[in-house]
PDB file of N, CA and C in Angstrom:
ATOM      1  N   MET A   1      92.197  92.399 104.865  1.00  0.00           N
ATOM      2  CA  MET A   1      93.519  91.814 104.850  1.00  0.00           C
ATOM      3  C   MET A   1      94.415  92.755 105.632  1.00  0.00           C
ATOM      4  N   SER A   2      95.192  92.199 106.539  1.00  0.00           N
ATOM      5  CA  SER A   2      96.070  93.005 107.392  1.00  0.00           C
ATOM      6  C   SER A   2      97.388  93.237 106.623  1.00  0.00           C
ATOM      7  N   VAL A   3      98.172  94.191 107.137  1.00  0.00           N
ATOM      8  CA  VAL A   3      99.485  94.507 106.529  1.00  0.00           C
ATOM      9  C   VAL A   3     100.384  93.282 106.682  1.00  0.00           C
ATOM     10  N   ALA A   4     100.306  92.526 107.807  1.00  0.00           N
ATOM     11  CA  ALA A   4     101.112  91.362 107.987  1.00  0.00           C
ATOM     12  C   ALA A   4     100.741  90.321 106.964  1.00  0.00           C
ATOM     13  N   GLU A   5      99.456  90.166 106.663  1.00  0.00           N
ATOM     14  CA  GLU A   5      99.004  89.184 105.646  1.00  0.00           C
ATOM     15  C   GLU A   5      99.518  89.580 104.269  1.00  0.00           C
ATOM     16  N   ILE A   6      99.493  90.878 104.002  1.00  0.00           N
ATOM     17  CA  ILE A   6      99.982  91.350 102.658  1.00  0.00           C
ATOM     18  C   ILE A   6     101.504  91.085 102.586  1.00  0.00           C
ATOM     19  N   LYS A   7     102.218  91.317 103.646  1.00  0.00           N
ATOM     20  CA  LYS A   7     103.656  91.064 103.605  1.00  0.00           C
ATOM     21  C   LYS A   7     103.953  89.547 103.383  1.00  0.00           C
ATOM     22  N   GLU A   8     103.194  88.729 104.010  1.00  0.00           N
ATOM     23  CA  GLU A   8     103.336  87.291 103.785  1.00  0.00           C
ATOM     24  C   GLU A   8     103.032  86.917 102.333  1.00  0.00           C
ATOM     25  N   ALA A   9     101.982  87.526 101.759  1.00  0.00           N
ATOM     26  CA  ALA A   9     101.657  87.206 100.363  1.00  0.00           C
ATOM     27  C   ALA A   9     102.716  87.737  99.397  1.00  0.00           C
ATOM     28  N   VAL A  10     103.295  88.822  99.751  1.00  0.00           N
ATOM     29  CA  VAL A  10     104.376  89.384  98.911  1.00  0.00           C
ATOM     30  C   VAL A  10     105.541  88.433  98.821  1.00  0.00           C
ATOM     31  N   GLU A  11     105.819  87.688  99.908  1.00  0.00           N
ATOM     32  CA  GLU A  11     106.916  86.723  99.889  1.00  0.00           C
ATOM     33  C   GLU A  11     106.698  85.650  98.849  1.00  0.00           C
ATOM     34  N   LEU A  12     105.454  85.374  98.433  1.00  0.00           N
ATOM     35  CA  LEU A  12     105.164  84.326  97.515  1.00  0.00           C
ATOM     36  C   LEU A  12     105.262  84.796  96.040  1.00  0.00           C
ATOM     37  N   LEU A  13     105.420  86.106  95.854  1.00  0.00           N
ATOM     38  CA  LEU A  13     105.485  86.667  94.509  1.00  0.00           C
ATOM     39  C   LEU A  13     106.810  86.465  93.869  1.00  0.00           C
ATOM     40  N   THR A  14     106.838  86.468  92.544  1.00  0.00           N
ATOM     41  CA  THR A  14     108.097  86.384  91.805  1.00  0.00           C
ATOM     42  C   THR A  14     108.751  87.755  91.870  1.00  0.00           C
ATOM     43  N   PRO A  15     110.027  87.855  91.607  1.00  0.00           N
ATOM     44  CA  PRO A  15     110.679  89.139  91.505  1.00  0.00           C
ATOM     45  C   PRO A  15     109.971  90.135  90.566  1.00  0.00           C
ATOM     46  N   GLU A  16     109.526  89.587  89.438  1.00  0.00           N
ATOM     47  CA  GLU A  16     108.819  90.506  88.433  1.00  0.00           C
ATOM     48  C   GLU A  16     107.496  90.971  89.023  1.00  0.00           C
ATOM     49  N   GLU A  17     106.795  90.109  89.721  1.00  0.00           N
ATOM     50  CA  GLU A  17     105.532  90.488  90.347  1.00  0.00           C
ATOM     51  C   GLU A  17     105.760  91.483  91.452  1.00  0.00           C
ATOM     52  N   ARG A  18     106.814  91.378  92.166  1.00  0.00           N
ATOM     53  CA  ARG A  18     107.162  92.335  93.219  1.00  0.00           C
ATOM     54  C   ARG A  18     107.479  93.743  92.599  1.00  0.00           C
ATOM     55  N   LEU A  19     108.212  93.750  91.501  1.00  0.00           N
ATOM     56  CA  LEU A  19     108.453  95.009  90.838  1.00  0.00           C
ATOM     57  C   LEU A  19     107.205  95.663  90.345  1.00  0.00           C
ATOM     58  N   ASP A  20     106.310  94.849  89.830  1.00  0.00           N
ATOM     59  CA  ASP A  20     104.999  95.347  89.336  1.00  0.00           C
ATOM     60  C   ASP A  20     104.206  95.930  90.543  1.00  0.00           C
ATOM     61  N   LEU A  21     104.174  95.188  91.640  1.00  0.00           N
ATOM     62  CA  LEU A  21     103.484  95.697  92.833  1.00  0.00           C
ATOM     63  C   LEU A  21     104.107  96.964  93.323  1.00  0.00           C
ATOM     64  N   ALA A  22     105.436  97.064  93.376  1.00  0.00           N
ATOM     65  CA  ALA A  22     106.153  98.262  93.843  1.00  0.00           C
ATOM     66  C   ALA A  22     105.744  99.456  92.970  1.00  0.00           C
ATOM     67  N   ALA A  23     105.736  99.236  91.644  1.00  0.00           N
ATOM     68  CA  ALA A  23     105.360 100.309  90.710  1.00  0.00           C
ATOM     69  C   ALA A  23     103.902 100.747  90.975  1.00  0.00           C
ATOM     70  N   TYR A  24     103.041  99.793  91.183  1.00  0.00           N
ATOM     71  CA  TYR A  24     101.634 100.157  91.476  1.00  0.00           C
ATOM     72  C   TYR A  24     101.531 100.948  92.766  1.00  0.00           C
ATOM     73  N   LEU A  25     102.210 100.500  93.810  1.00  0.00           N
ATOM     74  CA  LEU A  25     102.106 101.230  95.083  1.00  0.00           C
ATOM     75  C   LEU A  25     102.670 102.643  94.946  1.00  0.00           C
ATOM     76  N   HIS A  26     103.780 102.747  94.191  1.00  0.00           N
ATOM     77  CA  HIS A  26     104.338 104.083  93.992  1.00  0.00           C
ATOM     78  C   HIS A  26     103.323 104.979  93.253  1.00  0.00           C
ATOM     79  N   TRP A  27     102.730 104.450  92.189  1.00  0.00           N
ATOM     80  CA  TRP A  27     101.686 105.213  91.489  1.00  0.00           C
ATOM     81  C   TRP A  27     100.486 105.537  92.371  1.00  0.00           C
ATOM     82  N   ARG A  28     100.036 104.550  93.138  1.00  0.00           N
ATOM     83  CA  ARG A  28      98.848 104.748  93.977  1.00  0.00           C
ATOM     84  C   ARG A  28      99.116 105.825  95.041  1.00  0.00           C
ATOM     85  N   THR A  29     100.298 105.859  95.576  1.00  0.00           N
ATOM     86  CA  THR A  29     100.654 106.877  96.540  1.00  0.00           C
ATOM     87  C   THR A  29     100.661 108.267  95.941  1.00  0.00           C
ATOM     88  N   ARG A  30     101.243 108.366  94.754  1.00  0.00           N
ATOM     89  CA  ARG A  30     101.338 109.697  94.074  1.00  0.00           C
ATOM     90  C   ARG A  30      99.978 110.162  93.535  1.00  0.00           C
ATOM     91  N   ARG A  31      99.093 109.216  93.199  1.00  0.00           N
ATOM     92  CA  ARG A  31      97.808 109.598  92.612  1.00  0.00           C
ATOM     93  C   ARG A  31      97.071 110.572  93.499  1.00  0.00           C
ATOM     94  N   ASP A  32      97.127 110.443  94.781  1.00  0.00           N
ATOM     95  CA  ASP A  32      96.346 111.342  95.670  1.00  0.00           C
ATOM     96  C   ASP A  32      97.195 112.467  96.272  1.00  0.00           C
ATOM     97  N   ASP A  33      98.384 112.681  95.726  1.00  0.00           N
ATOM     98  CA  ASP A  33      99.280 113.698  96.287  1.00  0.00           C
ATOM     99  C   ASP A  33      99.071 114.982  95.439  1.00  0.00           C
ATOM    100  N   PRO A  34      98.493 116.033  96.039  1.00  0.00           N
ATOM    101  CA  PRO A  34      98.224 117.258  95.284  1.00  0.00           C
ATOM    102  C   PRO A  34      99.563 117.885  94.728  1.00  0.00           C
ATOM    103  N   GLU A  35     100.640 117.800  95.397  1.00  0.00           N
ATOM    104  CA  GLU A  35     101.887 118.347  94.912  1.00  0.00           C
ATOM    105  C   GLU A  35     102.289 117.619  93.627  1.00  0.00           C
ATOM    106  N   TRP A  36     102.221 116.293  93.596  1.00  0.00           N
ATOM    107  CA  TRP A  36     102.525 115.509  92.435  1.00  0.00           C
ATOM    108  C   TRP A  36     101.599 115.864  91.256  1.00  0.00           C
ATOM    109  N   GLN A  37     100.314 115.943  91.552  1.00  0.00           N
ATOM    110  CA  GLN A  37      99.341 116.286  90.517  1.00  0.00           C
ATOM    111  C   GLN A  37      99.660 117.650  89.900  1.00  0.00           C
ATOM    112  N   ASN A  38     100.039 118.617  90.735  1.00  0.00           N
ATOM    113  CA  ASN A  38     100.461 119.985  90.258  1.00  0.00           C
ATOM    114  C   ASN A  38     101.658 119.834  89.365  1.00  0.00           C
ATOM    115  N   GLU A  39     102.626 119.023  89.748  1.00  0.00           N
ATOM    116  CA  GLU A  39     103.849 118.820  88.985  1.00  0.00           C
ATOM    117  C   GLU A  39     103.527 118.199  87.611  1.00  0.00           C
ATOM    118  N   LEU A  40     102.667 117.242  87.602  1.00  0.00           N
ATOM    119  CA  LEU A  40     102.255 116.617  86.371  1.00  0.00           C
ATOM    120  C   LEU A  40     101.566 117.622  85.471  1.00  0.00           C
ATOM    121  N   ALA A  41     100.720 118.416  86.018  1.00  0.00           N
ATOM    122  CA  ALA A  41     100.012 119.480  85.188  1.00  0.00           C
ATOM    123  C   ALA A  41     101.064 120.470  84.647  1.00  0.00           C
ATOM    124  N   ARG A  42     102.027 120.834  85.461  1.00  0.00           N
ATOM    125  CA  ARG A  42     103.052 121.768  85.023  1.00  0.00           C
ATOM    126  C   ARG A  42     103.836 121.176  83.826  1.00  0.00           C
ATOM    127  N   ARG A  43     104.202 119.901  84.001  1.00  0.00           N
ATOM    128  CA  ARG A  43     104.973 119.255  82.913  1.00  0.00           C
ATOM    129  C   ARG A  43     104.157 119.085  81.651  1.00  0.00           C
ATOM    130  N   LEU A  44     102.884 118.786  81.785  1.00  0.00           N
ATOM    131  CA  LEU A  44     101.973 118.685  80.621  1.00  0.00           C
ATOM    132  C   LEU A  44     101.812 120.017  79.940  1.00  0.00           C
ATOM    133  N   ASP A  45     101.593 121.004  80.699  1.00  0.00           N
ATOM    134  CA  ASP A  45     101.476 122.385  80.116  1.00  0.00           C
ATOM    135  C   ASP A  45     102.733 122.805  79.382  1.00  0.00           C
ATOM    136  N   ARG A  46     103.858 122.486  79.940  1.00  0.00           N
ATOM    137  CA  ARG A  46     105.199 122.810  79.329  1.00  0.00           C
ATOM    138  C   ARG A  46     105.345 122.042  78.011  1.00  0.00           C
ATOM    139  N   SER A  47     104.940 120.804  78.052  1.00  0.00           N
ATOM    140  CA  SER A  47     105.038 119.939  76.817  1.00  0.00           C
ATOM    141  C   SER A  47     104.124 120.486  75.720  1.00  0.00           C
ATOM    142  N   ILE A  48     102.854 120.788  76.082  1.00  0.00           N
ATOM    143  CA  ILE A  48     101.935 121.319  75.147  1.00  0.00           C
ATOM    144  C   ILE A  48     102.380 122.643  74.500  1.00  0.00           C
ATOM    145  N   ALA A  49     103.113 123.407  75.294  1.00  0.00           N
ATOM    146  CA  ALA A  49     103.634 124.694  74.897  1.00  0.00           C
ATOM    147  C   ALA A  49     104.822 124.519  73.979  1.00  0.00           C
ATOM    148  N   GLY A  50     105.241 123.268  73.670  1.00  0.00           N
ATOM    149  CA  GLY A  50     106.338 123.097  72.742  1.00  0.00           C
ATOM    150  C   GLY A  50     107.700 122.863  73.400  1.00  0.00           C
ATOM    151  N   HIS A  51     107.701 122.663  74.693  1.00  0.00           N
ATOM    152  CA  HIS A  51     109.028 122.455  75.369  1.00  0.00           C
ATOM    153  C   HIS A  51     109.251 121.007  75.779  1.00  0.00           C
ATOM    154  N   GLY A  52     108.557 120.117  75.100  1.00  0.00           N
ATOM    155  CA  GLY A  52     108.794 118.714  75.391  1.00  0.00           C
ATOM    156  C   GLY A  52     109.845 118.118  74.553  1.00  0.00           C
ATOM    157  N   HIS A  53     109.887 116.802  74.494  1.00  0.00           N
ATOM    158  CA  HIS A  53     110.926 116.096  73.724  1.00  0.00           C
ATOM    159  C   HIS A  53     110.370 115.726  72.384  1.00  0.00           C
ATOM    160  N   SER A  54     111.205 115.654  71.396  1.00  0.00           N
ATOM    161  CA  SER A  54     110.772 115.287  70.042  1.00  0.00           C
ATOM    162  C   SER A  54     110.448 113.797  69.988  1.00  0.00           C
ATOM    163  N   GLU A  55     109.724 113.457  69.005  1.00  0.00           N
ATOM    164  CA  GLU A  55     109.419 111.987  68.840  1.00  0.00           C
ATOM    165  C   GLU A  55     110.660 111.164  68.726  1.00  0.00           C
ATOM    166  N   GLN A  56     111.656 111.671  67.973  1.00  0.00           N
ATOM    167  CA  GLN A  56     112.915 110.958  67.777  1.00  0.00           C
ATOM    168  C   GLN A  56     113.614 110.703  69.108  1.00  0.00           C
ATOM    169  N   VAL A  57     113.668 111.753  69.933  1.00  0.00           N
ATOM    170  CA  VAL A  57     114.334 111.568  71.246  1.00  0.00           C
ATOM    171  C   VAL A  57     113.551 110.554  72.074  1.00  0.00           C
ATOM    172  N   LEU A  58     112.273 110.612  72.103  1.00  0.00           N
ATOM    173  CA  LEU A  58     111.501 109.636  72.873  1.00  0.00           C
ATOM    174  C   LEU A  58     111.718 108.235  72.336  1.00  0.00           C
ATOM    175  N   ARG A  59     111.776 108.076  71.061  1.00  0.00           N
ATOM    176  CA  ARG A  59     111.988 106.697  70.473  1.00  0.00           C
ATOM    177  C   ARG A  59     113.407 106.212  70.892  1.00  0.00           C
ATOM    178  N   GLU A  60     114.413 107.083  70.872  1.00  0.00           N
ATOM    179  CA  GLU A  60     115.747 106.702  71.262  1.00  0.00           C
ATOM    180  C   GLU A  60     115.774 106.245  72.728  1.00  0.00           C
ATOM    181  N   VAL A  61     115.129 107.032  73.584  1.00  0.00           N
ATOM    182  CA  VAL A  61     115.086 106.667  74.978  1.00  0.00           C
ATOM    183  C   VAL A  61     114.363 105.373  75.211  1.00  0.00           C
ATOM    184  N   HIS A  62     113.231 105.192  74.510  1.00  0.00           N
ATOM    185  CA  HIS A  62     112.487 103.965  74.570  1.00  0.00           C
ATOM    186  C   HIS A  62     113.300 102.775  74.141  1.00  0.00           C
ATOM    187  N   ASP A  63     114.009 102.870  73.019  1.00  0.00           N
ATOM    188  CA  ASP A  63     114.795 101.808  72.491  1.00  0.00           C
ATOM    189  C   ASP A  63     115.908 101.460  73.447  1.00  0.00           C
ATOM    190  N   ARG A  64     116.559 102.465  74.051  1.00  0.00           N
ATOM    191  CA  ARG A  64     117.658 102.195  74.984  1.00  0.00           C
ATOM    192  C   ARG A  64     117.127 101.484  76.220  1.00  0.00           C
ATOM    193  N   LEU A  65     116.033 101.990  76.770  1.00  0.00           N
ATOM    194  CA  LEU A  65     115.429 101.304  77.956  1.00  0.00           C
ATOM    195  C   LEU A  65     115.008  99.902  77.631  1.00  0.00           C
ATOM    196  N   ASP A  66     114.475  99.664  76.446  1.00  0.00           N
ATOM    197  CA  ASP A  66     114.030  98.375  76.019  1.00  0.00           C
ATOM    198  C   ASP A  66     115.257  97.412  75.955  1.00  0.00           C
ATOM    199  N   ARG A  67     116.331  97.877  75.366  1.00  0.00           N
ATOM    200  CA  ARG A  67     117.534  97.080  75.322  1.00  0.00           C
ATOM    201  C   ARG A  67     118.065  96.679  76.644  1.00  0.00           C
ATOM    202  N   GLU A  68     117.922  97.696  77.644  1.00  0.00           N
ATOM    203  CA  GLU A  68     118.372  97.466  79.026  1.00  0.00           C
ATOM    204  C   GLU A  68     117.376  96.606  79.828  1.00  0.00           C
ATOM    205  N   GLY A  69     116.238  96.283  79.219  1.00  0.00           N
ATOM    206  CA  GLY A  69     115.262  95.498  79.898  1.00  0.00           C
ATOM    207  C   GLY A  69     114.454  96.248  80.976  1.00  0.00           C
ATOM    208  N   LYS A  70     114.363  97.545  80.796  1.00  0.00           N
ATOM    209  CA  LYS A  70     113.642  98.353  81.774  1.00  0.00           C
ATOM    210  C   LYS A  70     112.302  98.787  81.241  1.00  0.00           C
TER     211      LYS A  70
END
């Protein structure tokens, strides 16, 4: 499938499907990026060392984003 065909197919998607596709493409691009992988490892190490967010803070953020429809 060519890029032109993909672009045509995207035009047929709903706005929600386009957002899902955009998120996938963003993830797919970062998946193979060594810099991003190093950043994720750094963040995970920091969290494991006790410098992450508490469960309560994460629940509050989740609830707020859920209310905003994000």
